[in-house]
Amino acid sequence: MDGCGLVGGIVRVIVPLSRPGLVIATIFPITFAMNEVLYAVVYVGPRTERTVTVAIASTLIRGDIFYWGALMAAGLLVGLPLAILFMLYMDHFIRGLTGGSS
């Protein structure tokens, strides 16, 4: 590799080629973990060990009374970091999805 050692070859070849896959492997588990509300409701018993999405739903919904303003604000606060992360790495995400199609 033109005088590069093993570490230089890994840094200059392997890491740039694997970056889209690493981004996808980071964003997908975060998205799936946030969507597993049903499992968290069923399996997590104590109130102190609830996930954020379950805590929001159980705290802001009381029987037939929905606190819509607080629910929407909490949903925005929970979803906004993932949306920002996705927007920052959109190019890597698309490159990773379409990498094997050429």
Protein backbone atom coordinates (compact mmCIF):
# COMPACT_ATOMS: atom_id res chain seq x y z
CA MET A 1 0.00 0.00 0.00
CA ASP A 2 2.65 2.53 -1.05
CA GLY A 3 4.73 2.27 2.10
CA CYS A 4 1.84 2.12 4.57
CA GLY A 5 2.12 -0.27 7.43
CA LEU A 6 -0.68 -2.45 8.73
CA VAL A 7 -2.25 0.31 10.84
CA GLY A 8 -1.97 2.87 8.03
CA GLY A 9 -3.67 0.48 5.61
CA ILE A 10 -6.48 -0.16 8.06
CA VAL A 11 -6.97 3.55 8.77
CA ARG A 12 -6.84 4.60 5.10
CA VAL A 13 -8.72 1.68 3.50
CA ILE A 14 -10.77 -0.42 5.91
CA VAL A 15 -12.21 2.33 8.12
CA PRO A 16 -13.50 4.55 5.25
CA LEU A 17 -15.09 1.53 3.54
CA SER A 18 -16.75 0.30 6.72
CA ARG A 19 -18.05 3.68 7.95
CA PRO A 20 -21.52 3.40 6.28
CA GLY A 21 -22.01 -0.05 7.77
CA LEU A 22 -21.00 1.18 11.21
CA VAL A 23 -23.47 4.05 10.97
CA ILE A 24 -26.29 1.70 10.04
CA ALA A 25 -25.27 -0.72 12.77
CA THR A 26 -25.56 2.19 15.24
CA ILE A 27 -28.80 3.83 14.08
CA PHE A 28 -30.92 0.67 13.59
CA PRO A 29 -30.53 -0.74 17.12
CA ILE A 30 -31.34 2.65 18.64
CA THR A 31 -34.48 2.88 16.52
CA PHE A 32 -35.59 -0.66 17.34
CA ALA A 33 -34.91 -0.20 21.05
CA MET A 34 -37.08 2.89 21.16
CA ASN A 35 -39.92 1.07 19.42
CA GLU A 36 -40.06 -1.91 21.79
CA VAL A 37 -42.60 -0.37 24.12
CA LEU A 38 -44.72 -3.50 24.36
CA TYR A 39 -41.85 -5.64 25.62
CA ALA A 40 -40.91 -3.01 28.17
CA VAL A 41 -44.49 -2.78 29.45
CA VAL A 42 -44.85 -6.55 29.78
CA TYR A 43 -41.44 -7.53 31.15
CA VAL A 44 -40.34 -4.61 33.32
CA GLY A 45 -42.08 -4.69 36.68
CA PRO A 46 -40.68 -2.08 39.09
CA ARG A 47 -41.46 1.57 38.45
CA THR A 48 -37.80 2.56 38.84
CA GLU A 49 -36.64 0.35 35.95
CA ARG A 50 -39.02 1.52 33.21
CA THR A 51 -37.82 2.73 29.84
CA VAL A 52 -38.43 6.33 28.80
CA THR A 53 -41.24 5.49 26.38
CA VAL A 54 -43.10 3.37 28.93
CA ALA A 55 -42.65 5.97 31.65
CA ILE A 56 -44.05 8.69 29.40
CA ALA A 57 -47.11 6.63 28.48
CA SER A 58 -47.85 5.44 32.01
CA THR A 59 -47.30 8.85 33.60
CA LEU A 60 -49.20 11.02 31.11
CA ILE A 61 -52.16 8.72 30.43
CA ARG A 62 -54.58 8.25 33.33
CA GLY A 63 -57.42 5.95 32.31
CA ASP A 64 -59.39 7.88 29.70
CA ILE A 65 -57.60 11.18 30.30
CA PHE A 66 -54.77 11.95 27.91
CA TYR A 67 -52.49 14.90 28.62
CA TRP A 68 -51.86 15.61 24.95
CA GLY A 69 -49.61 18.64 25.30
CA ALA A 70 -47.24 16.87 27.66
CA LEU A 71 -47.39 13.66 25.58
CA MET A 72 -46.43 15.51 22.41
CA ALA A 73 -43.62 17.40 24.17
CA ALA A 74 -42.24 14.20 25.68
CA GLY A 75 -42.46 12.40 22.34
CA LEU A 76 -40.54 15.24 20.72
CA LEU A 77 -37.85 15.15 23.38
CA VAL A 78 -37.46 11.38 23.03
CA GLY A 79 -37.49 11.30 19.22
CA LEU A 80 -35.47 14.43 18.48
CA PRO A 81 -31.99 13.05 19.28
CA LEU A 82 -32.54 10.08 16.97
CA ALA A 83 -33.85 12.35 14.20
CA ILE A 84 -30.81 14.62 14.54
CA LEU A 85 -28.47 11.61 14.51
CA PHE A 86 -30.17 10.26 11.39
CA MET A 87 -29.98 13.63 9.61
CA LEU A 88 -26.29 14.07 10.44
CA TYR A 89 -25.36 10.68 9.02
CA MET A 90 -27.86 10.53 6.13
CA ASP A 91 -25.14 10.22 3.45
CA HIS A 92 -23.43 7.34 5.27
CA PHE A 93 -26.79 5.71 5.86
CA ILE A 94 -27.75 5.78 2.17
CA ARG A 95 -24.26 4.65 1.11
CA GLY A 96 -24.51 1.70 3.50
CA LEU A 97 -27.93 0.67 2.22
CA THR A 98 -26.96 0.88 -1.44
CA GLY A 99 -23.33 -0.28 -1.12
CA GLY A 100 -23.84 -3.77 -2.53
CA SER A 101 -26.17 -2.78 -5.36
CA SER A 102 -23.57 -1.46 -7.81
